[in-house]
PDB file of N, CA and C in Angstrom:
ATOM      1  N   MET A   1      57.359 106.832 144.886  1.00  0.00           N
ATOM      2  CA  MET A   1      58.185 107.314 145.978  1.00  0.00           C
ATOM      3  C   MET A   1      59.401 108.072 145.446  1.00  0.00           C
ATOM      4  N   ASP A   2      59.928 107.582 144.336  1.00  0.00           N
ATOM      5  CA  ASP A   2      61.107 108.223 143.756  1.00  0.00           C
ATOM      6  C   ASP A   2      60.775 109.621 143.238  1.00  0.00           C
ATOM      7  N   SER A   3      59.579 109.779 142.693  1.00  0.00           N
ATOM      8  CA  SER A   3      59.198 111.093 142.196  1.00  0.00           C
ATOM      9  C   SER A   3      59.006 112.084 143.343  1.00  0.00           C
ATOM     10  N   LEU A   4      58.554 111.612 144.515  1.00  0.00           N
ATOM     11  CA  LEU A   4      58.421 112.478 145.683  1.00  0.00           C
ATOM     12  C   LEU A   4      59.789 112.952 146.166  1.00  0.00           C
ATOM     13  N   ILE A   5      60.756 112.073 146.162  1.00  0.00           N
ATOM     14  CA  ILE A   5      62.117 112.440 146.562  1.00  0.00           C
ATOM     15  C   ILE A   5      62.701 113.443 145.579  1.00  0.00           C
ATOM     16  N   GLN A   6      62.447 113.251 144.301  1.00  0.00           N
ATOM     17  CA  GLN A   6      62.935 114.204 143.301  1.00  0.00           C
ATOM     18  C   GLN A   6      62.273 115.566 143.464  1.00  0.00           C
ATOM     19  N   PHE A   7      60.978 115.568 143.789  1.00  0.00           N
ATOM     20  CA  PHE A   7      60.269 116.825 144.006  1.00  0.00           C
ATOM     21  C   PHE A   7      60.829 117.568 145.223  1.00  0.00           C
ATOM     22  N   ILE A   8      61.061 116.861 146.310  1.00  0.00           N
ATOM     23  CA  ILE A   8      61.625 117.486 147.512  1.00  0.00           C
ATOM     24  C   ILE A   8      63.025 117.998 147.236  1.00  0.00           C
ATOM     25  N   ASP A   9      63.807 117.229 146.511  1.00  0.00           N
ATOM     26  CA  ASP A   9      65.156 117.660 146.136  1.00  0.00           C
ATOM     27  C   ASP A   9      65.106 118.938 145.291  1.00  0.00           C
ATOM     28  N   PHE A  10      64.180 118.989 144.361  1.00  0.00           N
ATOM     29  CA  PHE A  10      63.998 120.175 143.522  1.00  0.00           C
ATOM     30  C   PHE A  10      63.608 121.376 144.363  1.00  0.00           C
ATOM     31  N   MET A  11      62.657 121.194 145.284  1.00  0.00           N
ATOM     32  CA  MET A  11      62.202 122.301 146.139  1.00  0.00           C
ATOM     33  C   MET A  11      63.318 122.806 147.053  1.00  0.00           C
ATOM     34  N   LEU A  12      64.168 121.917 147.519  1.00  0.00           N
ATOM     35  CA  LEU A  12      65.262 122.337 148.386  1.00  0.00           C
ATOM     36  C   LEU A  12      66.369 123.050 147.613  1.00  0.00           C
ATOM     37  N   GLN A  13      66.579 122.654 146.382  1.00  0.00           N
ATOM     38  CA  GLN A  13      67.628 123.292 145.597  1.00  0.00           C
ATOM     39  C   GLN A  13      67.240 124.684 145.137  1.00  0.00           C
ATOM     40  N   TYR A  14      65.954 124.927 144.985  1.00  0.00           N
ATOM     41  CA  TYR A  14      65.500 126.224 144.472  1.00  0.00           C
ATOM     42  C   TYR A  14      64.642 126.971 145.493  1.00  0.00           C
ATOM     43  N   ILE A  15      65.079 126.982 146.725  1.00  0.00           N
ATOM     44  CA  ILE A  15      64.357 127.667 147.799  1.00  0.00           C
ATOM     45  C   ILE A  15      64.131 129.145 147.497  1.00  0.00           C
ATOM     46  N   PRO A  16      65.114 129.911 147.023  1.00  0.00           N
ATOM     47  CA  PRO A  16      64.855 131.342 146.818  1.00  0.00           C
ATOM     48  C   PRO A  16      63.775 131.639 145.780  1.00  0.00           C
ATOM     49  N   PHE A  17      63.570 130.739 144.827  1.00  0.00           N
ATOM     50  CA  PHE A  17      62.599 130.993 143.771  1.00  0.00           C
ATOM     51  C   PHE A  17      61.159 130.844 144.240  1.00  0.00           C
ATOM     52  N   TRP A  18      60.918 130.126 145.323  1.00  0.00           N
ATOM     53  CA  TRP A  18      59.572 130.057 145.869  1.00  0.00           C
ATOM     54  C   TRP A  18      59.457 130.765 147.205  1.00  0.00           C
ATOM     55  N   SER A  19      60.543 130.862 147.941  1.00  0.00           N
ATOM     56  CA  SER A  19      60.488 131.445 149.274  1.00  0.00           C
ATOM     57  C   SER A  19      60.324 132.960 149.266  1.00  0.00           C
ATOM     58  N   ILE A  20      61.039 133.633 148.409  1.00  0.00           N
ATOM     59  CA  ILE A  20      60.965 135.098 148.379  1.00  0.00           C
ATOM     60  C   ILE A  20      59.585 135.583 147.932  1.00  0.00           C
ATOM     61  N   PRO A  21      58.991 135.041 146.858  1.00  0.00           N
ATOM     62  CA  PRO A  21      57.631 135.494 146.513  1.00  0.00           C
ATOM     63  C   PRO A  21      56.600 135.185 147.593  1.00  0.00           C
ATOM     64  N   ILE A  22      56.676 134.001 148.204  1.00  0.00           N
ATOM     65  CA  ILE A  22      55.737 133.667 149.275  1.00  0.00           C
ATOM     66  C   ILE A  22      55.914 134.611 150.446  1.00  0.00           C
ATOM     67  N   LEU A  23      57.154 134.926 150.794  1.00  0.00           N
ATOM     68  CA  LEU A  23      57.426 135.845 151.892  1.00  0.00           C
ATOM     69  C   LEU A  23      56.824 137.214 151.626  1.00  0.00           C
ATOM     70  N   MET A  24      57.020 137.738 150.433  1.00  0.00           N
ATOM     71  CA  MET A  24      56.491 139.054 150.098  1.00  0.00           C
ATOM     72  C   MET A  24      54.957 139.062 150.077  1.00  0.00           C
ATOM     73  N   ILE A  25      54.358 138.038 149.503  1.00  0.00           N
ATOM     74  CA  ILE A  25      52.901 137.963 149.426  1.00  0.00           C
ATOM     75  C   ILE A  25      52.291 137.815 150.814  1.00  0.00           C
ATOM     76  N   CYS A  26      52.855 136.953 151.621  1.00  0.00           N
ATOM     77  CA  CYS A  26      52.304 136.735 152.963  1.00  0.00           C
ATOM     78  C   CYS A  26      52.427 137.970 153.837  1.00  0.00           C
ATOM     79  N   LEU A  27      53.547 138.662 153.761  1.00  0.00           N
ATOM     80  CA  LEU A  27      53.684 139.861 154.577  1.00  0.00           C
ATOM     81  C   LEU A  27      52.722 140.957 154.127  1.00  0.00           C
ATOM     82  N   GLN A  28      52.485 141.065 152.845  1.00  0.00           N
ATOM     83  CA  GLN A  28      51.516 142.044 152.349  1.00  0.00           C
ATOM     84  C   GLN A  28      50.104 141.717 152.835  1.00  0.00           C
ATOM     85  N   PHE A  29      49.709 140.447 152.709  1.00  0.00           N
ATOM     86  CA  PHE A  29      48.376 140.058 153.163  1.00  0.00           C
ATOM     87  C   PHE A  29      48.238 140.167 154.679  1.00  0.00           C
ATOM     88  N   SER A  30      49.295 139.843 155.408  1.00  0.00           N
ATOM     89  CA  SER A  30      49.204 139.974 156.863  1.00  0.00           C
ATOM     90  C   SER A  30      49.007 141.429 157.263  1.00  0.00           C
ATOM     91  N   TYR A  31      49.645 142.354 156.576  1.00  0.00           N
ATOM     92  CA  TYR A  31      49.453 143.778 156.860  1.00  0.00           C
ATOM     93  C   TYR A  31      48.018 144.213 156.552  1.00  0.00           C
ATOM     94  N   ILE A  32      47.491 143.759 155.432  1.00  0.00           N
ATOM     95  CA  ILE A  32      46.122 144.116 155.049  1.00  0.00           C
ATOM     96  C   ILE A  32      45.118 143.573 156.067  1.00  0.00           C
ATOM     97  N   TYR A  33      45.268 142.297 156.437  1.00  0.00           N
ATOM     98  CA  TYR A  33      44.330 141.712 157.388  1.00  0.00           C
ATOM     99  C   TYR A  33      44.506 142.284 158.791  1.00  0.00           C
ATOM    100  N   TRP A  34      45.727 142.696 159.138  1.00  0.00           N
ATOM    101  CA  TRP A  34      45.945 143.340 160.440  1.00  0.00           C
ATOM    102  C   TRP A  34      45.180 144.667 160.497  1.00  0.00           C
ATOM    103  N   LEU A  35      45.214 145.416 159.401  1.00  0.00           N
ATOM    104  CA  LEU A  35      44.480 146.682 159.367  1.00  0.00           C
ATOM    105  C   LEU A  35      42.967 146.472 159.384  1.00  0.00           C
ATOM    106  N   LYS A  36      42.503 145.340 158.859  1.00  0.00           N
ATOM    107  CA  LYS A  36      41.069 145.035 158.864  1.00  0.00           C
ATOM    108  C   LYS A  36      40.623 144.397 160.178  1.00  0.00           C
ATOM    109  N   MET A  37      41.526 144.334 161.156  1.00  0.00           N
ATOM    110  CA  MET A  37      41.251 143.763 162.474  1.00  0.00           C
ATOM    111  C   MET A  37      40.952 142.256 162.424  1.00  0.00           C
ATOM    112  N   ARG A  38      41.486 141.574 161.469  1.00  0.00           N
ATOM    113  CA  ARG A  38      41.392 140.120 161.378  1.00  0.00           C
ATOM    114  C   ARG A  38      42.726 139.551 161.864  1.00  0.00           C
ATOM    115  N   ARG A  39      42.927 139.574 163.157  1.00  0.00           N
ATOM    116  CA  ARG A  39      44.224 139.220 163.742  1.00  0.00           C
ATOM    117  C   ARG A  39      44.607 137.755 163.513  1.00  0.00           C
ATOM    118  N   THR A  40      43.663 136.851 163.594  1.00  0.00           N
ATOM    119  CA  THR A  40      43.988 135.433 163.420  1.00  0.00           C
ATOM    120  C   THR A  40      44.474 135.158 162.000  1.00  0.00           C
ATOM    121  N   THR A  41      43.802 135.700 161.029  1.00  0.00           N
ATOM    122  CA  THR A  41      44.208 135.511 159.638  1.00  0.00           C
ATOM    123  C   THR A  41      45.560 136.157 159.387  1.00  0.00           C
ATOM    124  N   ALA A  42      45.776 137.328 159.971  1.00  0.00           N
ATOM    125  CA  ALA A  42      47.059 138.009 159.807  1.00  0.00           C
ATOM    126  C   ALA A  42      48.189 137.182 160.413  1.00  0.00           C
ATOM    127  N   MET A  43      47.952 136.572 161.568  1.00  0.00           N
ATOM    128  CA  MET A  43      48.993 135.771 162.207  1.00  0.00           C
ATOM    129  C   MET A  43      49.292 134.494 161.422  1.00  0.00           C
ATOM    130  N   ILE A  44      48.299 133.939 160.762  1.00  0.00           N
ATOM    131  CA  ILE A  44      48.544 132.772 159.912  1.00  0.00           C
ATOM    132  C   ILE A  44      49.480 133.153 158.769  1.00  0.00           C
ATOM    133  N   PHE A  45      49.220 134.310 158.151  1.00  0.00           N
ATOM    134  CA  PHE A  45      50.103 134.768 157.079  1.00  0.00           C
ATOM    135  C   PHE A  45      51.497 135.087 157.601  1.00  0.00           C
ATOM    136  N   VAL A  46      51.601 135.625 158.812  1.00  0.00           N
ATOM    137  CA  VAL A  46      52.916 135.906 159.402  1.00  0.00           C
ATOM    138  C   VAL A  46      53.675 134.602 159.638  1.00  0.00           C
ATOM    139  N   MET A  47      52.982 133.565 160.102  1.00  0.00           N
ATOM    140  CA  MET A  47      53.648 132.285 160.331  1.00  0.00           C
ATOM    141  C   MET A  47      54.130 131.655 159.018  1.00  0.00           C
ATOM    142  N   ILE A  48      53.321 131.736 157.982  1.00  0.00           N
ATOM    143  CA  ILE A  48      53.743 131.198 156.680  1.00  0.00           C
ATOM    144  C   ILE A  48      54.939 131.993 156.159  1.00  0.00           C
ATOM    145  N   GLY A  49      54.896 133.317 156.304  1.00  0.00           N
ATOM    146  CA  GLY A  49      56.024 134.149 155.899  1.00  0.00           C
ATOM    147  C   GLY A  49      57.267 133.858 156.733  1.00  0.00           C
ATOM    148  N   GLY A  50      57.075 133.597 158.014  1.00  0.00           N
ATOM    149  CA  GLY A  50      58.208 133.237 158.875  1.00  0.00           C
ATOM    150  C   GLY A  50      58.844 131.925 158.462  1.00  0.00           C
ATOM    151  N   PHE A  51      58.009 130.951 158.091  1.00  0.00           N
ATOM    152  CA  PHE A  51      58.541 129.677 157.599  1.00  0.00           C
ATOM    153  C   PHE A  51      59.356 129.889 156.325  1.00  0.00           C
ATOM    154  N   SER A  52      58.864 130.724 155.426  1.00  0.00           N
ATOM    155  CA  SER A  52      59.603 131.021 154.196  1.00  0.00           C
ATOM    156  C   SER A  52      60.930 131.702 154.511  1.00  0.00           C
ATOM    157  N   PHE A  53      60.913 132.598 155.501  1.00  0.00           N
ATOM    158  CA  PHE A  53      62.140 133.291 155.881  1.00  0.00           C
ATOM    159  C   PHE A  53      63.154 132.323 156.494  1.00  0.00           C
ATOM    160  N   VAL A  54      62.689 131.404 157.314  1.00  0.00           N
ATOM    161  CA  VAL A  54      63.587 130.400 157.905  1.00  0.00           C
ATOM    162  C   VAL A  54      64.172 129.507 156.820  1.00  0.00           C
ATOM    163  N   CYS A  55      63.361 129.127 155.836  1.00  0.00           N
ATOM    164  CA  CYS A  55      63.871 128.324 154.716  1.00  0.00           C
ATOM    165  C   CYS A  55      64.932 129.095 153.939  1.00  0.00           C
ATOM    166  N   LEU A  56      64.721 130.383 153.768  1.00  0.00           N
ATOM    167  CA  LEU A  56      65.694 131.215 153.061  1.00  0.00           C
ATOM    168  C   LEU A  56      66.991 131.325 153.851  1.00  0.00           C
ATOM    169  N   LEU A  57      66.877 131.488 155.162  1.00  0.00           N
ATOM    170  CA  LEU A  57      68.083 131.516 156.001  1.00  0.00           C
ATOM    171  C   LEU A  57      68.840 130.198 155.923  1.00  0.00           C
ATOM    172  N   TYR A  58      68.108 129.075 155.936  1.00  0.00           N
ATOM    173  CA  TYR A  58      68.743 127.767 155.804  1.00  0.00           C
ATOM    174  C   TYR A  58      69.495 127.648 154.480  1.00  0.00           C
ATOM    175  N   TYR A  59      68.890 128.144 153.417  1.00  0.00           N
ATOM    176  CA  TYR A  59      69.519 128.079 152.100  1.00  0.00           C
ATOM    177  C   TYR A  59      70.853 128.832 152.098  1.00  0.00           C
ATOM    178  N   PHE A  60      70.852 130.021 152.690  1.00  0.00           N
ATOM    179  CA  PHE A  60      72.095 130.792 152.730  1.00  0.00           C
ATOM    180  C   PHE A  60      73.112 130.182 153.684  1.00  0.00           C
ATOM    181  N   TRP A  61      72.633 129.580 154.762  1.00  0.00           N
ATOM    182  CA  TRP A  61      73.538 128.922 155.696  1.00  0.00           C
ATOM    183  C   TRP A  61      74.188 127.701 155.044  1.00  0.00           C
ATOM    184  N   ALA A  62      73.409 126.959 154.247  1.00  0.00           N
ATOM    185  CA  ALA A  62      73.935 125.762 153.584  1.00  0.00           C
ATOM    186  C   ALA A  62      74.998 126.137 152.551  1.00  0.00           C
ATOM    187  N   GLY A  63      74.826 127.268 151.870  1.00  0.00           N
ATOM    188  CA  GLY A  63      75.869 127.754 150.991  1.00  0.00           C
ATOM    189  C   GLY A  63      75.656 127.536 149.513  1.00  0.00           C
ATOM    190  N   SER A  64      74.894 126.538 149.142  1.00  0.00           N
ATOM    191  CA  SER A  64      74.673 126.284 147.720  1.00  0.00           C
ATOM    192  C   SER A  64      73.422 125.449 147.553  1.00  0.00           C
ATOM    193  N   PRO A  65      72.861 125.433 146.354  1.00  0.00           N
ATOM    194  CA  PRO A  65      71.651 124.631 146.134  1.00  0.00           C
ATOM    195  C   PRO A  65      71.878 123.137 146.367  1.00  0.00           C
ATOM    196  N   ILE A  66      72.996 122.644 145.909  1.00  0.00           N
ATOM    197  CA  ILE A  66      73.270 121.212 146.041  1.00  0.00           C
ATOM    198  C   ILE A  66      73.505 120.847 147.494  1.00  0.00           C
ATOM    199  N   ARG A  67      74.228 121.694 148.200  1.00  0.00           N
ATOM    200  CA  ARG A  67      74.522 121.429 149.608  1.00  0.00           C
ATOM    201  C   ARG A  67      73.258 121.496 150.468  1.00  0.00           C
ATOM    202  N   SER A  68      72.334 122.390 150.137  1.00  0.00           N
ATOM    203  CA  SER A  68      71.108 122.487 150.925  1.00  0.00           C
ATOM    204  C   SER A  68      70.294 121.204 150.831  1.00  0.00           C
ATOM    205  N   ALA A  69      70.251 120.593 149.672  1.00  0.00           N
ATOM    206  CA  ALA A  69      69.530 119.330 149.514  1.00  0.00           C
ATOM    207  C   ALA A  69      70.284 118.175 150.178  1.00  0.00           C
ATOM    208  N   GLN A  70      71.607 118.196 150.110  1.00  0.00           N
ATOM    209  CA  GLN A  70      72.397 117.119 150.704  1.00  0.00           C
ATOM    210  C   GLN A  70      72.267 117.096 152.218  1.00  0.00           C
ATOM    211  N   LEU A  71      72.232 118.262 152.844  1.00  0.00           N
ATOM    212  CA  LEU A  71      72.118 118.311 154.304  1.00  0.00           C
ATOM    213  C   LEU A  71      70.808 117.691 154.782  1.00  0.00           C
ATOM    214  N   ILE A  72      69.726 117.980 154.103  1.00  0.00           N
ATOM    215  CA  ILE A  72      68.434 117.398 154.485  1.00  0.00           C
ATOM    216  C   ILE A  72      68.439 115.886 154.244  1.00  0.00           C
ATOM    217  N   LYS A  73      69.034 115.447 153.142  1.00  0.00           N
ATOM    218  CA  LYS A  73      69.112 114.012 152.871  1.00  0.00           C
ATOM    219  C   LYS A  73      69.932 113.298 153.945  1.00  0.00           C
ATOM    220  N   GLU A  74      71.022 113.911 154.402  1.00  0.00           N
ATOM    221  CA  GLU A  74      71.840 113.306 155.459  1.00  0.00           C
ATOM    222  C   GLU A  74      71.073 113.219 156.757  1.00  0.00           C
ATOM    223  N   ILE A  75      70.281 114.238 157.076  1.00  0.00           N
ATOM    224  CA  ILE A  75      69.485 114.205 158.307  1.00  0.00           C
ATOM    225  C   ILE A  75      68.432 113.106 158.220  1.00  0.00           C
ATOM    226  N   ILE A  76      67.787 112.976 157.064  1.00  0.00           N
ATOM    227  CA  ILE A  76      66.762 111.945 156.895  1.00  0.00           C
ATOM    228  C   ILE A  76      67.383 110.545 156.970  1.00  0.00           C
ATOM    229  N   ASN A  77      68.570 110.357 156.393  1.00  0.00           N
ATOM    230  CA  ASN A  77      69.231 109.058 156.427  1.00  0.00           C
ATOM    231  C   ASN A  77      69.658 108.672 157.840  1.00  0.00           C
ATOM    232  N   GLU A  78      69.995 109.645 158.685  1.00  0.00           N
ATOM    233  CA  GLU A  78      70.374 109.334 160.058  1.00  0.00           C
ATOM    234  C   GLU A  78      69.188 108.894 160.888  1.00  0.00           C
ATOM    235  N   ILE A  79      68.003 109.375 160.533  1.00  0.00           N
ATOM    236  CA  ILE A  79      66.794 109.001 161.287  1.00  0.00           C
ATOM    237  C   ILE A  79      66.327 107.679 160.802  1.00  0.00           C
TER     238      ILE A  79
END
């Protein structure tokens, strides 16, 4: 359980390092599948890219890597 918490903490502290590449890849694939008339697959990639974009916005709103992880930990502790 402790290793899972450390992994989540790591992922929250380094959101830009995984979010930006996923966002770029998903938007590229969604464009390709949209042109191939595979709308459902394109929308799945758009949703994954949207999630990455929301995570990136959260990271910038939080202000720092440490603060982004602390905010999520505080929310989890309140629940």
